[in-house]
PDB file of N, CA and C in Angstrom:
ATOM      1  N   MET A   1      -4.565  14.229 -52.179  1.00  0.00           N
ATOM      2  CA  MET A   1      -4.994  13.917 -53.524  1.00  0.00           C
ATOM      3  C   MET A   1      -4.132  14.555 -54.612  1.00  0.00           C
ATOM      4  N   PRO A   2      -3.123  15.370 -54.274  1.00  0.00           N
ATOM      5  CA  PRO A   2      -2.288  15.948 -55.333  1.00  0.00           C
ATOM      6  C   PRO A   2      -1.631  14.890 -56.213  1.00  0.00           C
ATOM      7  N   GLU A   3      -1.243  13.743 -55.618  1.00  0.00           N
ATOM      8  CA  GLU A   3      -0.590  12.702 -56.412  1.00  0.00           C
ATOM      9  C   GLU A   3      -1.541  12.115 -57.451  1.00  0.00           C
ATOM     10  N   VAL A   4      -2.837  12.030 -57.132  1.00  0.00           N
ATOM     11  CA  VAL A   4      -3.830  11.541 -58.091  1.00  0.00           C
ATOM     12  C   VAL A   4      -3.946  12.539 -59.243  1.00  0.00           C
ATOM     13  N   GLN A   5      -3.998  13.819 -58.902  1.00  0.00           N
ATOM     14  CA  GLN A   5      -4.086  14.868 -59.930  1.00  0.00           C
ATOM     15  C   GLN A   5      -2.845  14.842 -60.820  1.00  0.00           C
ATOM     16  N   GLU A   6      -1.664  14.663 -60.228  1.00  0.00           N
ATOM     17  CA  GLU A   6      -0.427  14.607 -61.013  1.00  0.00           C
ATOM     18  C   GLU A   6      -0.416  13.413 -61.961  1.00  0.00           C
ATOM     19  N   ARG A   7      -0.871  12.253 -61.464  1.00  0.00           N
ATOM     20  CA  ARG A   7      -0.935  11.061 -62.331  1.00  0.00           C
ATOM     21  C   ARG A   7      -1.910  11.286 -63.477  1.00  0.00           C
ATOM     22  N   LEU A   8      -3.050  11.906 -63.172  1.00  0.00           N
ATOM     23  CA  LEU A   8      -4.047  12.186 -64.197  1.00  0.00           C
ATOM     24  C   LEU A   8      -3.477  13.141 -65.245  1.00  0.00           C
ATOM     25  N   GLU A   9      -2.824  14.212 -64.805  1.00  0.00           N
ATOM     26  CA  GLU A   9      -2.234  15.187 -65.730  1.00  0.00           C
ATOM     27  C   GLU A   9      -1.174  14.540 -66.619  1.00  0.00           C
ATOM     28  N   ALA A  10      -0.411  13.588 -66.080  1.00  0.00           N
ATOM     29  CA  ALA A  10       0.645  12.928 -66.846  1.00  0.00           C
ATOM     30  C   ALA A  10       0.081  12.076 -67.980  1.00  0.00           C
ATOM     31  N   MET A  11      -1.187  11.733 -67.901  1.00  0.00           N
ATOM     32  CA  MET A  11      -1.820  10.910 -68.939  1.00  0.00           C
ATOM     33  C   MET A  11      -2.094  11.701 -70.215  1.00  0.00           C
ATOM     34  N   PHE A  12      -2.022  13.038 -70.135  1.00  0.00           N
ATOM     35  CA  PHE A  12      -2.411  13.891 -71.254  1.00  0.00           C
ATOM     36  C   PHE A  12      -1.219  14.662 -71.818  1.00  0.00           C
ATOM     37  N   ASP A  13      -1.306  14.966 -73.112  1.00  0.00           N
ATOM     38  CA  ASP A  13      -0.269  15.772 -73.751  1.00  0.00           C
ATOM     39  C   ASP A  13      -0.585  17.254 -73.543  1.00  0.00           C
ATOM     40  N   GLU A  14       0.232  18.115 -74.156  1.00  0.00           N
ATOM     41  CA  GLU A  14       0.059  19.562 -73.982  1.00  0.00           C
ATOM     42  C   GLU A  14      -1.267  20.074 -74.547  1.00  0.00           C
ATOM     43  N   ALA A  15      -1.893  19.329 -75.463  1.00  0.00           N
ATOM     44  CA  ALA A  15      -3.197  19.719 -76.020  1.00  0.00           C
ATOM     45  C   ALA A  15      -4.356  19.156 -75.195  1.00  0.00           C
ATOM     46  N   GLY A  16      -4.020  18.403 -74.142  1.00  0.00           N
ATOM     47  CA  GLY A  16      -5.061  17.824 -73.300  1.00  0.00           C
ATOM     48  C   GLY A  16      -5.630  16.518 -73.824  1.00  0.00           C
ATOM     49  N   LEU A  17      -4.944  15.911 -74.772  1.00  0.00           N
ATOM     50  CA  LEU A  17      -5.401  14.645 -75.353  1.00  0.00           C
ATOM     51  C   LEU A  17      -4.647  13.485 -74.717  1.00  0.00           C
ATOM     52  N   LEU A  18      -5.296  12.349 -74.612  1.00  0.00           N
ATOM     53  CA  LEU A  18      -4.670  11.179 -74.004  1.00  0.00           C
ATOM     54  C   LEU A  18      -3.408  10.779 -74.760  1.00  0.00           C
ATOM     55  N   ARG A  19      -2.342  10.575 -74.019  1.00  0.00           N
ATOM     56  CA  ARG A  19      -1.096  10.112 -74.636  1.00  0.00           C
ATOM     57  C   ARG A  19      -1.275   8.672 -75.136  1.00  0.00           C
ATOM     58  N   ASP A  20      -1.992   7.861 -74.359  1.00  0.00           N
ATOM     59  CA  ASP A  20      -2.224   6.460 -74.716  1.00  0.00           C
ATOM     60  C   ASP A  20      -3.729   6.205 -74.731  1.00  0.00           C
ATOM     61  N   PRO A  21      -4.369   6.273 -75.907  1.00  0.00           N
ATOM     62  CA  PRO A  21      -5.818   6.088 -75.990  1.00  0.00           C
ATOM     63  C   PRO A  21      -6.313   4.749 -75.435  1.00  0.00           C
ATOM     64  N   ALA A  22      -5.420   3.765 -75.294  1.00  0.00           N
ATOM     65  CA  ALA A  22      -5.824   2.481 -74.724  1.00  0.00           C
ATOM     66  C   ALA A  22      -6.188   2.615 -73.249  1.00  0.00           C
ATOM     67  N   GLN A  23      -5.786   3.713 -72.614  1.00  0.00           N
ATOM     68  CA  GLN A  23      -6.109   3.947 -71.208  1.00  0.00           C
ATOM     69  C   GLN A  23      -7.532   4.476 -71.020  1.00  0.00           C
ATOM     70  N   TRP A  24      -8.204   4.830 -72.110  1.00  0.00           N
ATOM     71  CA  TRP A  24      -9.536   5.420 -72.021  1.00  0.00           C
ATOM     72  C   TRP A  24     -10.528   4.433 -71.422  1.00  0.00           C
ATOM     73  N   SER A  25     -11.435   4.969 -70.635  1.00  0.00           N
ATOM     74  CA  SER A  25     -12.548   4.203 -70.096  1.00  0.00           C
ATOM     75  C   SER A  25     -13.718   5.166 -69.922  1.00  0.00           C
ATOM     76  N   GLU A  26     -14.887   4.631 -69.724  1.00  0.00           N
ATOM     77  CA  GLU A  26     -16.044   5.495 -69.488  1.00  0.00           C
ATOM     78  C   GLU A  26     -15.864   6.288 -68.201  1.00  0.00           C
ATOM     79  N   THR A  27     -15.218   5.707 -67.212  1.00  0.00           N
ATOM     80  CA  THR A  27     -14.954   6.413 -65.956  1.00  0.00           C
ATOM     81  C   THR A  27     -14.020   7.591 -66.204  1.00  0.00           C
ATOM     82  N   LEU A  28     -12.970   7.369 -67.006  1.00  0.00           N
ATOM     83  CA  LEU A  28     -12.049   8.452 -67.334  1.00  0.00           C
ATOM     84  C   LEU A  28     -12.767   9.529 -68.143  1.00  0.00           C
ATOM     85  N   ALA A  29     -13.631   9.143 -69.060  1.00  0.00           N
ATOM     86  CA  ALA A  29     -14.402  10.111 -69.841  1.00  0.00           C
ATOM     87  C   ALA A  29     -15.217  11.016 -68.914  1.00  0.00           C
ATOM     88  N   ALA A  30     -15.843  10.415 -67.927  1.00  0.00           N
ATOM     89  CA  ALA A  30     -16.645  11.195 -66.972  1.00  0.00           C
ATOM     90  C   ALA A  30     -15.764  12.168 -66.193  1.00  0.00           C
ATOM     91  N   GLU A  31     -14.560  11.748 -65.842  1.00  0.00           N
ATOM     92  CA  GLU A  31     -13.639  12.623 -65.109  1.00  0.00           C
ATOM     93  C   GLU A  31     -13.147  13.757 -66.004  1.00  0.00           C
ATOM     94  N   ILE A  32     -12.819  13.460 -67.253  1.00  0.00           N
ATOM     95  CA  ILE A  32     -12.404  14.509 -68.192  1.00  0.00           C
ATOM     96  C   ILE A  32     -13.527  15.534 -68.343  1.00  0.00           C
ATOM     97  N   ALA A  33     -14.751  15.050 -68.512  1.00  0.00           N
ATOM     98  CA  ALA A  33     -15.900  15.957 -68.655  1.00  0.00           C
ATOM     99  C   ALA A  33     -16.052  16.829 -67.421  1.00  0.00           C
ATOM    100  N   ARG A  34     -15.892  16.249 -66.254  1.00  0.00           N
ATOM    101  CA  ARG A  34     -16.004  17.020 -65.012  1.00  0.00           C
ATOM    102  C   ARG A  34     -14.928  18.095 -64.962  1.00  0.00           C
ATOM    103  N   LEU A  35     -13.677  17.712 -65.250  1.00  0.00           N
ATOM    104  CA  LEU A  35     -12.568  18.661 -65.214  1.00  0.00           C
ATOM    105  C   LEU A  35     -12.712  19.761 -66.261  1.00  0.00           C
ATOM    106  N   ASP A  36     -13.317  19.439 -67.395  1.00  0.00           N
ATOM    107  CA  ASP A  36     -13.495  20.412 -68.474  1.00  0.00           C
ATOM    108  C   ASP A  36     -14.739  21.279 -68.291  1.00  0.00           C
ATOM    109  N   GLY A  37     -15.471  21.070 -67.193  1.00  0.00           N
ATOM    110  CA  GLY A  37     -16.652  21.890 -66.932  1.00  0.00           C
ATOM    111  C   GLY A  37     -17.868  21.492 -67.748  1.00  0.00           C
ATOM    112  N   ILE A  38     -17.852  20.303 -68.299  1.00  0.00           N
ATOM    113  CA  ILE A  38     -18.967  19.818 -69.101  1.00  0.00           C
ATOM    114  C   ILE A  38     -20.071  19.294 -68.198  1.00  0.00           C
ATOM    115  N   GLY A  39     -19.665  18.756 -67.069  1.00  0.00           N
ATOM    116  CA  GLY A  39     -20.639  18.212 -66.130  1.00  0.00           C
ATOM    117  C   GLY A  39     -20.887  16.734 -66.368  1.00  0.00           C
ATOM    118  N   ARG A  40     -21.992  16.261 -65.827  1.00  0.00           N
ATOM    119  CA  ARG A  40     -22.352  14.841 -65.950  1.00  0.00           C
ATOM    120  C   ARG A  40     -22.660  14.513 -67.406  1.00  0.00           C
ATOM    121  N   LEU A  41     -22.141  13.393 -67.866  1.00  0.00           N
ATOM    122  CA  LEU A  41     -22.378  12.967 -69.242  1.00  0.00           C
ATOM    123  C   LEU A  41     -23.776  12.358 -69.361  1.00  0.00           C
ATOM    124  N   THR A  42     -24.543  12.899 -70.294  1.00  0.00           N
ATOM    125  CA  THR A  42     -25.902  12.440 -70.542  1.00  0.00           C
ATOM    126  C   THR A  42     -25.912  11.439 -71.690  1.00  0.00           C
ATOM    127  N   ASP A  43     -27.084  10.899 -71.978  1.00  0.00           N
ATOM    128  CA  ASP A  43     -27.216   9.985 -73.119  1.00  0.00           C
ATOM    129  C   ASP A  43     -26.773  10.656 -74.413  1.00  0.00           C
ATOM    130  N   GLU A  44     -27.066  11.944 -74.553  1.00  0.00           N
ATOM    131  CA  GLU A  44     -26.654  12.659 -75.770  1.00  0.00           C
ATOM    132  C   GLU A  44     -25.134  12.747 -75.863  1.00  0.00           C
ATOM    133  N   HIS A  45     -24.461  13.022 -74.742  1.00  0.00           N
ATOM    134  CA  HIS A  45     -23.001  13.030 -74.745  1.00  0.00           C
ATOM    135  C   HIS A  45     -22.473  11.675 -75.207  1.00  0.00           C
ATOM    136  N   TRP A  46     -23.055  10.604 -74.647  1.00  0.00           N
ATOM    137  CA  TRP A  46     -22.576   9.260 -74.987  1.00  0.00           C
ATOM    138  C   TRP A  46     -22.841   8.922 -76.445  1.00  0.00           C
ATOM    139  N   GLU A  47     -23.916   9.455 -77.037  1.00  0.00           N
ATOM    140  CA  GLU A  47     -24.163   9.247 -78.475  1.00  0.00           C
ATOM    141  C   GLU A  47     -22.989   9.790 -79.274  1.00  0.00           C
ATOM    142  N   VAL A  48     -22.566  11.007 -78.939  1.00  0.00           N
ATOM    143  CA  VAL A  48     -21.458  11.641 -79.647  1.00  0.00           C
ATOM    144  C   VAL A  48     -20.167  10.864 -79.403  1.00  0.00           C
ATOM    145  N   ILE A  49     -19.879  10.533 -78.156  1.00  0.00           N
ATOM    146  CA  ILE A  49     -18.652   9.817 -77.810  1.00  0.00           C
ATOM    147  C   ILE A  49     -18.574   8.496 -78.571  1.00  0.00           C
ATOM    148  N   ARG A  50     -19.649   7.742 -78.559  1.00  0.00           N
ATOM    149  CA  ARG A  50     -19.632   6.439 -79.258  1.00  0.00           C
ATOM    150  C   ARG A  50     -19.463   6.613 -80.759  1.00  0.00           C
ATOM    151  N   THR A  51     -20.140   7.618 -81.318  1.00  0.00           N
ATOM    152  CA  THR A  51     -20.019   7.868 -82.756  1.00  0.00           C
ATOM    153  C   THR A  51     -18.581   8.237 -83.110  1.00  0.00           C
ATOM    154  N   LEU A  52     -17.962   9.115 -82.319  1.00  0.00           N
ATOM    155  CA  LEU A  52     -16.570   9.503 -82.570  1.00  0.00           C
ATOM    156  C   LEU A  52     -15.644   8.300 -82.478  1.00  0.00           C
ATOM    157  N   ARG A  53     -15.808   7.500 -81.447  1.00  0.00           N
ATOM    158  CA  ARG A  53     -14.934   6.342 -81.249  1.00  0.00           C
ATOM    159  C   ARG A  53     -15.118   5.310 -82.363  1.00  0.00           C
ATOM    160  N   GLU A  54     -16.363   5.081 -82.772  1.00  0.00           N
ATOM    161  CA  GLU A  54     -16.625   4.125 -83.854  1.00  0.00           C
ATOM    162  C   GLU A  54     -16.044   4.616 -85.175  1.00  0.00           C
ATOM    163  N   HIS A  55     -16.230   5.906 -85.472  1.00  0.00           N
ATOM    164  CA  HIS A  55     -15.698   6.456 -86.717  1.00  0.00           C
ATOM    165  C   HIS A  55     -14.172   6.371 -86.724  1.00  0.00           C
ATOM    166  N   TYR A  56     -13.561   6.746 -85.609  1.00  0.00           N
ATOM    167  CA  TYR A  56     -12.108   6.691 -85.537  1.00  0.00           C
ATOM    168  C   TYR A  56     -11.602   5.249 -85.680  1.00  0.00           C
ATOM    169  N   ALA A  57     -12.262   4.318 -85.022  1.00  0.00           N
ATOM    170  CA  ALA A  57     -11.846   2.907 -85.114  1.00  0.00           C
ATOM    171  C   ALA A  57     -11.942   2.400 -86.548  1.00  0.00           C
ATOM    172  N   ARG A  58     -12.927   2.879 -87.259  1.00  0.00           N
ATOM    173  CA  ARG A  58     -13.146   2.408 -88.629  1.00  0.00           C
ATOM    174  C   ARG A  58     -12.239   3.093 -89.651  1.00  0.00           C
ATOM    175  N   PHE A  59     -12.066   4.426 -89.498  1.00  0.00           N
ATOM    176  CA  PHE A  59     -11.367   5.194 -90.534  1.00  0.00           C
ATOM    177  C   PHE A  59     -10.032   5.807 -90.099  1.00  0.00           C
ATOM    178  N   GLY A  60      -9.793   5.906 -88.775  1.00  0.00           N
ATOM    179  CA  GLY A  60      -8.540   6.459 -88.286  1.00  0.00           C
ATOM    180  C   GLY A  60      -8.404   7.959 -88.384  1.00  0.00           C
ATOM    181  N   VAL A  61      -9.512   8.658 -88.606  1.00  0.00           N
ATOM    182  CA  VAL A  61      -9.495  10.122 -88.719  1.00  0.00           C
ATOM    183  C   VAL A  61     -10.719  10.703 -88.011  1.00  0.00           C
ATOM    184  N   ALA A  62     -10.642  12.013 -87.791  1.00  0.00           N
ATOM    185  CA  ALA A  62     -11.787  12.729 -87.221  1.00  0.00           C
ATOM    186  C   ALA A  62     -12.885  12.823 -88.276  1.00  0.00           C
ATOM    187  N   PRO A  63     -14.121  12.579 -87.896  1.00  0.00           N
ATOM    188  CA  PRO A  63     -15.223  12.722 -88.855  1.00  0.00           C
ATOM    189  C   PRO A  63     -15.610  14.192 -89.015  1.00  0.00           C
ATOM    190  N   ALA A  64     -16.362  14.470 -90.045  1.00  0.00           N
ATOM    191  CA  ALA A  64     -16.950  15.806 -90.191  1.00  0.00           C
ATOM    192  C   ALA A  64     -18.007  15.937 -89.097  1.00  0.00           C
ATOM    193  N   MET A  65     -17.802  16.873 -88.190  1.00  0.00           N
ATOM    194  CA  MET A  65     -18.720  17.019 -87.060  1.00  0.00           C
ATOM    195  C   MET A  65     -20.126  17.403 -87.521  1.00  0.00           C
ATOM    196  N   SER A  66     -20.207  18.146 -88.602  1.00  0.00           N
ATOM    197  CA  SER A  66     -21.532  18.505 -89.114  1.00  0.00           C
ATOM    198  C   SER A  66     -22.286  17.254 -89.556  1.00  0.00           C
ATOM    199  N   HIS A  67     -21.559  16.277 -90.072  1.00  0.00           N
ATOM    200  CA  HIS A  67     -22.181  15.014 -90.477  1.00  0.00           C
ATOM    201  C   HIS A  67     -22.721  14.263 -89.252  1.00  0.00           C
ATOM    202  N   ILE A  68     -21.965  14.262 -88.173  1.00  0.00           N
ATOM    203  CA  ILE A  68     -22.435  13.618 -86.950  1.00  0.00           C
ATOM    204  C   ILE A  68     -23.719  14.287 -86.469  1.00  0.00           C
ATOM    205  N   CYS A  69     -23.725  15.609 -86.472  1.00  0.00           N
ATOM    206  CA  CYS A  69     -24.927  16.335 -86.041  1.00  0.00           C
ATOM    207  C   CYS A  69     -26.117  15.967 -86.922  1.00  0.00           C
ATOM    208  N   ARG A  70     -25.928  16.009 -88.226  1.00  0.00           N
ATOM    209  CA  ARG A  70     -27.011  15.680 -89.162  1.00  0.00           C
ATOM    210  C   ARG A  70     -27.489  14.253 -88.998  1.00  0.00           C
ATOM    211  N   SER A  71     -26.550  13.321 -88.823  1.00  0.00           N
ATOM    212  CA  SER A  71     -26.932  11.911 -88.723  1.00  0.00           C
ATOM    213  C   SER A  71     -27.743  11.622 -87.457  1.00  0.00           C
ATOM    214  N   HIS A  72     -27.623  12.500 -86.476  1.00  0.00           N
ATOM    215  CA  HIS A  72     -28.405  12.357 -85.244  1.00  0.00           C
ATOM    216  C   HIS A  72     -29.617  13.290 -85.239  1.00  0.00           C
ATOM    217  N   GLY A  73     -29.856  13.962 -86.375  1.00  0.00           N
ATOM    218  CA  GLY A  73     -31.009  14.845 -86.486  1.00  0.00           C
ATOM    219  C   GLY A  73     -30.892  16.113 -85.666  1.00  0.00           C
ATOM    220  N   LYS A  74     -29.675  16.590 -85.459  1.00  0.00           N
ATOM    221  CA  LYS A  74     -29.422  17.777 -84.637  1.00  0.00           C
ATOM    222  C   LYS A  74     -28.850  18.895 -85.490  1.00  0.00           C
ATOM    223  N   ASP A  75     -28.921  20.129 -84.968  1.00  0.00           N
ATOM    224  CA  ASP A  75     -28.333  21.250 -85.702  1.00  0.00           C
ATOM    225  C   ASP A  75     -26.814  21.250 -85.511  1.00  0.00           C
ATOM    226  N   LYS A  76     -26.132  22.084 -86.288  1.00  0.00           N
ATOM    227  CA  LYS A  76     -24.668  22.043 -86.316  1.00  0.00           C
ATOM    228  C   LYS A  76     -24.000  22.520 -85.029  1.00  0.00           C
ATOM    229  N   GLN A  77     -24.746  23.088 -84.106  1.00  0.00           N
ATOM    230  CA  GLN A  77     -24.203  23.537 -82.817  1.00  0.00           C
ATOM    231  C   GLN A  77     -24.283  22.461 -81.737  1.00  0.00           C
ATOM    232  N   TRP A  78     -24.919  21.343 -82.028  1.00  0.00           N
ATOM    233  CA  TRP A  78     -25.199  20.311 -81.033  1.00  0.00           C
ATOM    234  C   TRP A  78     -23.959  19.884 -80.258  1.00  0.00           C
ATOM    235  N   ILE A  79     -22.905  19.498 -80.959  1.00  0.00           N
ATOM    236  CA  ILE A  79     -21.695  19.022 -80.287  1.00  0.00           C
ATOM    237  C   ILE A  79     -21.066  20.145 -79.477  1.00  0.00           C
ATOM    238  N   HIS A  80     -21.028  21.335 -80.047  1.00  0.00           N
ATOM    239  CA  HIS A  80     -20.473  22.489 -79.327  1.00  0.00           C
ATOM    240  C   HIS A  80     -21.269  22.759 -78.053  1.00  0.00           C
ATOM    241  N   ASP A  81     -22.580  22.674 -78.148  1.00  0.00           N
ATOM    242  CA  ASP A  81     -23.422  22.902 -76.971  1.00  0.00           C
ATOM    243  C   ASP A  81     -23.159  21.854 -75.883  1.00  0.00           C
ATOM    244  N   LEU A  82     -22.916  20.628 -76.281  1.00  0.00           N
ATOM    245  CA  LEU A  82     -22.682  19.547 -75.311  1.00  0.00           C
ATOM    246  C   LEU A  82     -21.281  19.585 -74.709  1.00  0.00           C
ATOM    247  N   PHE A  83     -20.265  19.874 -75.532  1.00  0.00           N
ATOM    248  CA  PHE A  83     -18.875  19.731 -75.104  1.00  0.00           C
ATOM    249  C   PHE A  83     -18.070  21.040 -75.117  1.00  0.00           C
ATOM    250  N   HIS A  84     -18.675  22.158 -75.416  1.00  0.00           N
ATOM    251  CA  HIS A  84     -18.021  23.466 -75.515  1.00  0.00           C
ATOM    252  C   HIS A  84     -17.197  23.630 -76.785  1.00  0.00           C
ATOM    253  N   SER A  85     -16.764  22.521 -77.391  1.00  0.00           N
ATOM    254  CA  SER A  85     -16.053  22.561 -78.673  1.00  0.00           C
ATOM    255  C   SER A  85     -15.989  21.133 -79.210  1.00  0.00           C
ATOM    256  N   CYS A  86     -15.710  21.027 -80.474  1.00  0.00           N
ATOM    257  CA  CYS A  86     -15.559  19.692 -81.057  1.00  0.00           C
ATOM    258  C   CYS A  86     -14.292  19.022 -80.529  1.00  0.00           C
ATOM    259  N   LEU A  87     -13.249  19.815 -80.271  1.00  0.00           N
ATOM    260  CA  LEU A  87     -12.039  19.252 -79.686  1.00  0.00           C
ATOM    261  C   LEU A  87     -12.328  18.725 -78.283  1.00  0.00           C
ATOM    262  N   GLY A  88     -13.221  19.382 -77.556  1.00  0.00           N
ATOM    263  CA  GLY A  88     -13.632  18.887 -76.246  1.00  0.00           C
ATOM    264  C   GLY A  88     -14.285  17.516 -76.345  1.00  0.00           C
ATOM    265  N   ALA A  89     -15.104  17.329 -77.365  1.00  0.00           N
ATOM    266  CA  ALA A  89     -15.738  16.019 -77.576  1.00  0.00           C
ATOM    267  C   ALA A  89     -14.676  14.971 -77.893  1.00  0.00           C
ATOM    268  N   TRP A  90     -13.723  15.329 -78.734  1.00  0.00           N
ATOM    269  CA  TRP A  90     -12.632  14.429 -79.103  1.00  0.00           C
ATOM    270  C   TRP A  90     -11.846  14.036 -77.859  1.00  0.00           C
ATOM    271  N   ARG A  91     -11.603  15.021 -76.999  1.00  0.00           N
ATOM    272  CA  ARG A  91     -10.838  14.795 -75.762  1.00  0.00           C
ATOM    273  C   ARG A  91     -11.580  13.842 -74.828  1.00  0.00           C
ATOM    274  N   VAL A  92     -12.875  14.080 -74.611  1.00  0.00           N
ATOM    275  CA  VAL A  92     -13.661  13.226 -73.729  1.00  0.00           C
ATOM    276  C   VAL A  92     -13.768  11.811 -74.308  1.00  0.00           C
ATOM    277  N   ALA A  93     -13.802  11.713 -75.626  1.00  0.00           N
ATOM    278  CA  ALA A  93     -13.879  10.405 -76.280  1.00  0.00           C
ATOM    279  C   ALA A  93     -12.556   9.638 -76.171  1.00  0.00           C
ATOM    280  N   GLY A  94     -11.503  10.315 -75.692  1.00  0.00           N
ATOM    281  CA  GLY A  94     -10.236   9.627 -75.452  1.00  0.00           C
ATOM    282  C   GLY A  94      -9.468   9.267 -76.695  1.00  0.00           C
ATOM    283  N   LEU A  95      -9.686  10.018 -77.759  1.00  0.00           N
ATOM    284  CA  LEU A  95      -9.018   9.699 -79.023  1.00  0.00           C
ATOM    285  C   LEU A  95      -7.662  10.386 -79.101  1.00  0.00           C
ATOM    286  N   PRO A  96      -6.736   9.834 -79.892  1.00  0.00           N
ATOM    287  CA  PRO A  96      -5.370  10.371 -79.946  1.00  0.00           C
ATOM    288  C   PRO A  96      -5.308  11.700 -80.688  1.00  0.00           C
ATOM    289  N   ASP A  97      -4.167  12.328 -80.555  1.00  0.00           N
ATOM    290  CA  ASP A  97      -3.922  13.595 -81.239  1.00  0.00           C
ATOM    291  C   ASP A  97      -4.168  13.394 -82.734  1.00  0.00           C
ATOM    292  N   PRO A  98      -5.124  14.139 -83.309  1.00  0.00           N
ATOM    293  CA  PRO A  98      -5.457  13.945 -84.726  1.00  0.00           C
ATOM    294  C   PRO A  98      -4.543  14.714 -85.679  1.00  0.00           C
ATOM    295  N   GLY A  99      -3.567  15.446 -85.137  1.00  0.00           N
ATOM    296  CA  GLY A  99      -2.686  16.251 -85.972  1.00  0.00           C
ATOM    297  C   GLY A  99      -3.112  17.717 -85.929  1.00  0.00           C
ATOM    298  N   GLU A 100      -2.188  18.580 -86.307  1.00  0.00           N
ATOM    299  CA  GLU A 100      -2.420  20.024 -86.178  1.00  0.00           C
ATOM    300  C   GLU A 100      -3.597  20.525 -87.014  1.00  0.00           C
ATOM    301  N   GLU A 101      -3.702  20.055 -88.251  1.00  0.00           N
ATOM    302  CA  GLU A 101      -4.787  20.516 -89.111  1.00  0.00           C
ATOM    303  C   GLU A 101      -6.147  20.125 -88.538  1.00  0.00           C
ATOM    304  N   ALA A 102      -6.280  18.886 -88.110  1.00  0.00           N
ATOM    305  CA  ALA A 102      -7.541  18.420 -87.536  1.00  0.00           C
ATOM    306  C   ALA A 102      -7.835  19.116 -86.210  1.00  0.00           C
ATOM    307  N   LYS A 103      -6.799  19.343 -85.391  1.00  0.00           N
ATOM    308  CA  LYS A 103      -7.020  20.044 -84.125  1.00  0.00           C
ATOM    309  C   LYS A 103      -7.521  21.462 -84.399  1.00  0.00           C
ATOM    310  N   SER A 104      -6.980  22.102 -85.413  1.00  0.00           N
ATOM    311  CA  SER A 104      -7.423  23.449 -85.775  1.00  0.00           C
ATOM    312  C   SER A 104      -8.886  23.407 -86.206  1.00  0.00           C
ATOM    313  N   TYR A 105      -9.241  22.421 -87.007  1.00  0.00           N
ATOM    314  CA  TYR A 105     -10.643  22.227 -87.444  1.00  0.00           C
ATOM    315  C   TYR A 105     -11.547  21.977 -86.250  1.00  0.00           C
ATOM    316  N   LEU A 106     -11.135  21.067 -85.358  1.00  0.00           N
ATOM    317  CA  LEU A 106     -11.951  20.701 -84.214  1.00  0.00           C
ATOM    318  C   LEU A 106     -12.080  21.855 -83.214  1.00  0.00           C
ATOM    319  N   SER A 107     -11.050  22.663 -83.088  1.00  0.00           N
ATOM    320  CA  SER A 107     -11.086  23.791 -82.158  1.00  0.00           C
ATOM    321  C   SER A 107     -11.943  24.932 -82.687  1.00  0.00           C
ATOM    322  N   GLY A 108     -11.961  25.080 -84.001  1.00  0.00           N
ATOM    323  CA  GLY A 108     -12.664  26.201 -84.603  1.00  0.00           C
ATOM    324  C   GLY A 108     -14.169  26.037 -84.703  1.00  0.00           C
ATOM    325  N   MET A 109     -14.640  24.859 -84.433  1.00  0.00           N
ATOM    326  CA  MET A 109     -16.070  24.617 -84.591  1.00  0.00           C
ATOM    327  C   MET A 109     -16.826  24.952 -83.345  1.00  0.00           C
TER     328      MET A 109
END
């Protein structure tokens, strides 16, 4: 299975983000979550993933994570609790590198 692991690793950049977001699938999201120690994706995980993907498709930028939490009636730690970090959620959602400033924002939350 080393060749499978090597192919999987080649799909990601040095920040762990998909080089080609068109390769994203729900199956790949589940594998990223497993590798990142997030575990099985629950309905709550999928709420966040879909919201991130929809926002990105519409606006082309990372949303304010606090807004996502509020819009789902959750406290500001919700995404962090689910994905260990906001960048982890971005990674599982299969979205492209948002740039250094956004990565710093997403990592710091």
